[in-house]
Amino acid sequence: MSFFVSDAMAAAETTSGVPGFDSFIFVGLLFVIFYFMIIRPQSKRQKEQRNMVAEVGKGDEVVTNGGLVGKVVKAGDTYLGLELAAGVEVNVQRNAISQVLPKGTLKSL
């Protein structure tokens, strides 16, 4: 029976390689997957949002994060003047713009 034990010990010795190398590869692969599935698309969306907000100017039709829809009548560095209806104007921060609508969407203003 002692010859079974020596075979088991020999098998254990031959399969061991660099300790922890398999787990290092797994962690590296996991990071690469997270980068391409989560980090990269999120940073791309943030860049597109930043560019869109920076390009908003007078005459653009926009939607705010709160759901207000209006036409930009004043454009400053940090605030925009939105005309929601005839004679109704509100000031919003540029960062509150969530979407720029195509021209002519708001025909009632």
N, C-alpha and C. Protein backbone atom coordinates (compact mmCIF):
# COMPACT_ATOMS: atom_id res chain seq x y z
N MET A 1 0.80 -1.19 0.00
CA MET A 1 0.00 0.00 0.00
C MET A 1 0.85 1.26 0.00
N SER A 2 2.08 1.20 0.43
CA SER A 2 2.91 2.39 0.49
C SER A 2 3.25 2.91 -0.91
N PHE A 3 3.16 2.06 -1.93
CA PHE A 3 3.47 2.54 -3.28
C PHE A 3 2.39 3.49 -3.80
N PHE A 4 1.11 3.42 -3.27
CA PHE A 4 0.08 4.38 -3.66
C PHE A 4 0.38 5.77 -3.10
N VAL A 5 0.89 5.81 -1.91
CA VAL A 5 1.19 7.09 -1.30
C VAL A 5 2.31 7.79 -2.05
N SER A 6 3.31 7.06 -2.44
CA SER A 6 4.42 7.69 -3.15
C SER A 6 3.97 8.21 -4.51
N ASP A 7 3.04 7.51 -5.17
CA ASP A 7 2.52 8.00 -6.45
C ASP A 7 1.74 9.30 -6.26
N ALA A 8 0.95 9.36 -5.19
CA ALA A 8 0.17 10.57 -4.93
C ALA A 8 1.10 11.73 -4.61
N MET A 9 2.13 11.50 -3.86
CA MET A 9 3.08 12.56 -3.54
C MET A 9 3.81 13.02 -4.80
N ALA A 10 4.15 12.11 -5.65
CA ALA A 10 4.86 12.46 -6.89
C ALA A 10 3.95 13.28 -7.80
N ALA A 11 2.67 12.93 -7.87
CA ALA A 11 1.74 13.66 -8.72
C ALA A 11 1.54 15.08 -8.20
N ALA A 12 1.46 15.26 -6.92
CA ALA A 12 1.29 16.58 -6.33
C ALA A 12 2.51 17.44 -6.60
N GLU A 13 3.67 16.87 -6.57
CA GLU A 13 4.89 17.64 -6.79
C GLU A 13 5.03 18.06 -8.25
N THR A 14 4.60 17.26 -9.19
CA THR A 14 4.77 17.60 -10.59
C THR A 14 3.75 18.61 -11.08
N THR A 15 2.55 18.70 -10.49
CA THR A 15 1.53 19.64 -10.97
C THR A 15 1.71 21.03 -10.39
N SER A 16 2.49 21.18 -9.36
CA SER A 16 2.66 22.51 -8.78
C SER A 16 3.64 23.30 -9.62
N GLY A 17 3.26 24.54 -9.95
CA GLY A 17 4.13 25.42 -10.73
C GLY A 17 4.48 26.61 -9.87
N VAL A 18 4.36 27.76 -10.45
CA VAL A 18 4.62 28.99 -9.70
C VAL A 18 3.42 29.24 -8.80
N PRO A 19 3.61 29.37 -7.50
CA PRO A 19 2.47 29.56 -6.61
C PRO A 19 1.82 30.92 -6.84
N GLY A 20 0.51 30.91 -6.99
CA GLY A 20 -0.25 32.14 -7.15
C GLY A 20 -0.30 32.68 -8.57
N PHE A 21 0.39 32.10 -9.51
CA PHE A 21 0.42 32.61 -10.87
C PHE A 21 -0.94 32.48 -11.54
N ASP A 22 -1.64 31.38 -11.28
CA ASP A 22 -2.97 31.19 -11.85
C ASP A 22 -3.94 32.25 -11.34
N SER A 23 -3.88 32.56 -10.07
CA SER A 23 -4.77 33.58 -9.53
C SER A 23 -4.41 34.96 -10.06
N PHE A 24 -3.13 35.23 -10.30
CA PHE A 24 -2.71 36.50 -10.87
C PHE A 24 -3.27 36.67 -12.29
N ILE A 25 -3.23 35.63 -13.07
CA ILE A 25 -3.80 35.67 -14.43
C ILE A 25 -5.30 35.90 -14.36
N PHE A 26 -5.97 35.24 -13.44
CA PHE A 26 -7.41 35.40 -13.29
C PHE A 26 -7.78 36.84 -12.93
N VAL A 27 -7.06 37.43 -11.99
CA VAL A 27 -7.33 38.81 -11.57
C VAL A 27 -7.07 39.76 -12.73
N GLY A 28 -6.01 39.54 -13.47
CA GLY A 28 -5.70 40.38 -14.63
C GLY A 28 -6.77 40.28 -15.69
N LEU A 29 -7.23 39.08 -15.96
CA LEU A 29 -8.29 38.87 -16.94
C LEU A 29 -9.59 39.51 -16.48
N LEU A 30 -9.88 39.42 -15.21
CA LEU A 30 -11.08 40.04 -14.65
C LEU A 30 -11.02 41.56 -14.79
N PHE A 31 -9.87 42.16 -14.54
CA PHE A 31 -9.72 43.61 -14.71
C PHE A 31 -9.92 44.02 -16.17
N VAL A 32 -9.39 43.27 -17.10
CA VAL A 32 -9.55 43.58 -18.53
C VAL A 32 -11.03 43.52 -18.92
N ILE A 33 -11.74 42.54 -18.43
CA ILE A 33 -13.17 42.42 -18.73
C ILE A 33 -13.93 43.60 -18.15
N PHE A 34 -13.66 43.98 -16.90
CA PHE A 34 -14.32 45.13 -16.28
C PHE A 34 -14.01 46.42 -17.05
N TYR A 35 -12.78 46.56 -17.50
CA TYR A 35 -12.40 47.77 -18.24
C TYR A 35 -13.23 47.91 -19.52
N PHE A 36 -13.32 46.85 -20.31
CA PHE A 36 -14.02 46.94 -21.59
C PHE A 36 -15.54 46.90 -21.44
N MET A 37 -16.06 46.36 -20.34
CA MET A 37 -17.51 46.27 -20.18
C MET A 37 -18.09 47.41 -19.35
N ILE A 38 -17.32 48.02 -18.46
CA ILE A 38 -17.87 49.03 -17.55
C ILE A 38 -17.13 50.37 -17.65
N ILE A 39 -15.84 50.38 -17.45
CA ILE A 39 -15.10 51.63 -17.33
C ILE A 39 -15.03 52.39 -18.65
N ARG A 40 -14.66 51.73 -19.72
CA ARG A 40 -14.50 52.40 -21.01
C ARG A 40 -15.81 52.98 -21.55
N PRO A 41 -16.93 52.21 -21.58
CA PRO A 41 -18.18 52.81 -22.07
C PRO A 41 -18.67 53.97 -21.21
N GLN A 42 -18.48 53.88 -19.90
CA GLN A 42 -18.92 54.96 -19.02
C GLN A 42 -18.13 56.24 -19.28
N SER A 43 -16.83 56.13 -19.44
CA SER A 43 -16.03 57.33 -19.70
C SER A 43 -16.34 57.91 -21.08
N LYS A 44 -16.68 57.06 -22.03
CA LYS A 44 -17.07 57.54 -23.36
C LYS A 44 -18.38 58.33 -23.28
N ARG A 45 -19.36 57.82 -22.51
CA ARG A 45 -20.63 58.53 -22.33
C ARG A 45 -20.43 59.87 -21.64
N GLN A 46 -19.57 59.91 -20.62
CA GLN A 46 -19.30 61.15 -19.92
C GLN A 46 -18.67 62.19 -20.85
N LYS A 47 -17.77 61.76 -21.70
CA LYS A 47 -17.13 62.67 -22.64
C LYS A 47 -18.15 63.22 -23.63
N GLU A 48 -19.03 62.38 -24.14
CA GLU A 48 -20.07 62.84 -25.07
C GLU A 48 -21.01 63.83 -24.39
N GLN A 49 -21.39 63.57 -23.13
CA GLN A 49 -22.27 64.47 -22.38
C GLN A 49 -21.60 65.82 -22.17
N ARG A 50 -20.32 65.81 -21.78
CA ARG A 50 -19.57 67.04 -21.56
C ARG A 50 -19.50 67.88 -22.83
N ASN A 51 -19.23 67.24 -23.97
CA ASN A 51 -19.16 67.95 -25.24
C ASN A 51 -20.52 68.51 -25.64
N MET A 52 -21.58 67.74 -25.43
CA MET A 52 -22.92 68.19 -25.77
C MET A 52 -23.31 69.42 -24.94
N VAL A 53 -23.04 69.40 -23.65
CA VAL A 53 -23.38 70.52 -22.78
C VAL A 53 -22.55 71.75 -23.14
N ALA A 54 -21.30 71.57 -23.51
CA ALA A 54 -20.44 72.70 -23.86
C ALA A 54 -20.89 73.37 -25.16
N GLU A 55 -21.51 72.61 -26.06
CA GLU A 55 -21.91 73.15 -27.36
C GLU A 55 -23.31 73.76 -27.38
N VAL A 56 -24.05 73.68 -26.27
CA VAL A 56 -25.40 74.24 -26.23
C VAL A 56 -25.29 75.75 -26.33
N GLY A 57 -26.09 76.33 -27.23
CA GLY A 57 -26.07 77.77 -27.43
C GLY A 57 -27.47 78.32 -27.59
N LYS A 58 -27.54 79.61 -27.83
CA LYS A 58 -28.82 80.30 -27.98
C LYS A 58 -29.57 79.74 -29.18
N GLY A 59 -30.86 79.46 -28.97
CA GLY A 59 -31.70 78.93 -30.04
C GLY A 59 -31.86 77.41 -30.02
N ASP A 60 -31.04 76.71 -29.24
CA ASP A 60 -31.15 75.24 -29.14
C ASP A 60 -32.37 74.87 -28.30
N GLU A 61 -32.96 73.76 -28.64
CA GLU A 61 -34.09 73.22 -27.87
C GLU A 61 -33.57 72.06 -27.05
N VAL A 62 -33.82 72.12 -25.74
CA VAL A 62 -33.19 71.17 -24.82
C VAL A 62 -34.20 70.58 -23.84
N VAL A 63 -33.79 69.47 -23.23
CA VAL A 63 -34.54 68.83 -22.15
C VAL A 63 -33.60 68.81 -20.94
N THR A 64 -34.13 69.20 -19.78
CA THR A 64 -33.32 69.18 -18.56
C THR A 64 -33.48 67.85 -17.84
N ASN A 65 -32.64 67.63 -16.83
CA ASN A 65 -32.74 66.42 -16.02
C ASN A 65 -34.09 66.34 -15.30
N GLY A 66 -34.68 67.47 -15.00
CA GLY A 66 -35.97 67.51 -14.31
C GLY A 66 -37.15 67.33 -15.24
N GLY A 67 -36.92 67.28 -16.54
CA GLY A 67 -37.99 67.06 -17.49
C GLY A 67 -38.53 68.33 -18.13
N LEU A 68 -37.94 69.48 -17.83
CA LEU A 68 -38.37 70.71 -18.47
C LEU A 68 -37.88 70.74 -19.91
N VAL A 69 -38.77 71.18 -20.81
CA VAL A 69 -38.43 71.27 -22.22
C VAL A 69 -38.56 72.72 -22.63
N GLY A 70 -37.52 73.26 -23.23
CA GLY A 70 -37.59 74.65 -23.62
C GLY A 70 -36.52 75.02 -24.61
N LYS A 71 -36.57 76.30 -25.02
CA LYS A 71 -35.62 76.85 -25.97
C LYS A 71 -34.65 77.75 -25.21
N VAL A 72 -33.38 77.64 -25.53
CA VAL A 72 -32.35 78.46 -24.88
C VAL A 72 -32.43 79.87 -25.44
N VAL A 73 -32.66 80.86 -24.55
CA VAL A 73 -32.72 82.26 -24.98
C VAL A 73 -31.51 83.05 -24.47
N LYS A 74 -30.86 82.57 -23.43
CA LYS A 74 -29.64 83.18 -22.90
C LYS A 74 -28.64 82.07 -22.64
N ALA A 75 -27.40 82.30 -23.02
CA ALA A 75 -26.36 81.29 -22.80
C ALA A 75 -25.18 81.94 -22.12
N GLY A 76 -24.92 81.52 -20.89
CA GLY A 76 -23.75 81.98 -20.15
C GLY A 76 -22.77 80.84 -19.96
N ASP A 77 -21.74 81.10 -19.15
CA ASP A 77 -20.74 80.05 -18.91
C ASP A 77 -21.30 78.92 -18.06
N THR A 78 -22.06 79.26 -17.02
CA THR A 78 -22.56 78.23 -16.12
C THR A 78 -24.08 78.10 -16.13
N TYR A 79 -24.80 79.15 -16.56
CA TYR A 79 -26.26 79.11 -16.56
C TYR A 79 -26.82 79.37 -17.94
N LEU A 80 -27.99 78.78 -18.18
CA LEU A 80 -28.73 79.00 -19.42
C LEU A 80 -30.11 79.55 -19.08
N GLY A 81 -30.62 80.44 -19.91
CA GLY A 81 -32.00 80.91 -19.77
C GLY A 81 -32.88 80.11 -20.70
N LEU A 82 -33.85 79.38 -20.15
CA LEU A 82 -34.76 78.56 -20.96
C LEU A 82 -36.13 79.22 -21.02
N GLU A 83 -36.67 79.30 -22.22
CA GLU A 83 -38.03 79.78 -22.39
C GLU A 83 -38.92 78.54 -22.48
N LEU A 84 -39.74 78.34 -21.45
CA LEU A 84 -40.60 77.16 -21.39
C LEU A 84 -41.90 77.38 -22.16
N ALA A 85 -42.43 78.59 -22.08
CA ALA A 85 -43.64 78.98 -22.80
C ALA A 85 -43.50 80.48 -23.08
N ALA A 86 -44.44 81.03 -23.82
CA ALA A 86 -44.37 82.46 -24.14
C ALA A 86 -44.39 83.27 -22.84
N GLY A 87 -43.31 83.99 -22.58
CA GLY A 87 -43.23 84.82 -21.39
C GLY A 87 -42.77 84.11 -20.13
N VAL A 88 -42.50 82.82 -20.20
CA VAL A 88 -42.06 82.06 -19.03
C VAL A 88 -40.60 81.65 -19.27
N GLU A 89 -39.71 82.22 -18.46
CA GLU A 89 -38.29 81.94 -18.61
C GLU A 89 -37.70 81.51 -17.27
N VAL A 90 -36.88 80.48 -17.29
CA VAL A 90 -36.21 80.01 -16.08
C VAL A 90 -34.71 79.90 -16.36
N ASN A 91 -33.93 80.00 -15.30
CA ASN A 91 -32.48 79.81 -15.40
C ASN A 91 -32.13 78.42 -14.89
N VAL A 92 -31.32 77.70 -15.63
CA VAL A 92 -30.86 76.37 -15.22
C VAL A 92 -29.35 76.30 -15.41
N GLN A 93 -28.73 75.42 -14.66
CA GLN A 93 -27.30 75.20 -14.83
C GLN A 93 -27.06 74.40 -16.11
N ARG A 94 -25.91 74.63 -16.72
CA ARG A 94 -25.57 73.88 -17.93
C ARG A 94 -25.54 72.37 -17.67
N ASN A 95 -25.08 72.00 -16.48
CA ASN A 95 -24.97 70.58 -16.15
C ASN A 95 -26.33 69.90 -16.07
N ALA A 96 -27.42 70.67 -15.97
CA ALA A 96 -28.76 70.10 -15.86
C ALA A 96 -29.32 69.70 -17.21
N ILE A 97 -28.63 69.98 -18.30
CA ILE A 97 -29.12 69.62 -19.63
C ILE A 97 -28.85 68.14 -19.88
N SER A 98 -29.91 67.41 -20.22
CA SER A 98 -29.74 65.98 -20.46
C SER A 98 -29.79 65.63 -21.94
N GLN A 99 -30.43 66.49 -22.75
CA GLN A 99 -30.58 66.14 -24.16
C GLN A 99 -30.80 67.42 -24.97
N VAL A 100 -30.24 67.46 -26.15
CA VAL A 100 -30.50 68.54 -27.10
C VAL A 100 -31.43 67.97 -28.16
N LEU A 101 -32.56 68.64 -28.34
CA LEU A 101 -33.57 68.18 -29.30
C LEU A 101 -33.25 68.71 -30.69
N PRO A 102 -33.74 68.03 -31.73
CA PRO A 102 -33.55 68.54 -33.09
C PRO A 102 -34.31 69.86 -33.27
N LYS A 103 -33.80 70.71 -34.14
CA LYS A 103 -34.42 72.01 -34.40
C LYS A 103 -35.86 71.80 -34.90
N GLY A 104 -36.77 72.64 -34.40
CA GLY A 104 -38.16 72.58 -34.83
C GLY A 104 -39.02 71.64 -34.02
N THR A 105 -38.47 71.03 -32.98
CA THR A 105 -39.27 70.13 -32.15
C THR A 105 -40.33 70.88 -31.38
N LEU A 106 -39.98 72.06 -30.88
CA LEU A 106 -40.91 72.87 -30.12
C LEU A 106 -41.49 73.95 -31.05
N LYS A 107 -42.65 73.72 -31.56
CA LYS A 107 -43.25 74.67 -32.49
C LYS A 107 -44.11 75.71 -31.77
N SER A 108 -44.51 75.43 -30.53
CA SER A 108 -45.40 76.34 -29.82
C SER A 108 -44.67 77.55 -29.26
N LEU A 109 -43.33 77.51 -29.17
CA LEU A 109 -42.60 78.65 -28.62
C LEU A 109 -42.28 79.62 -29.70
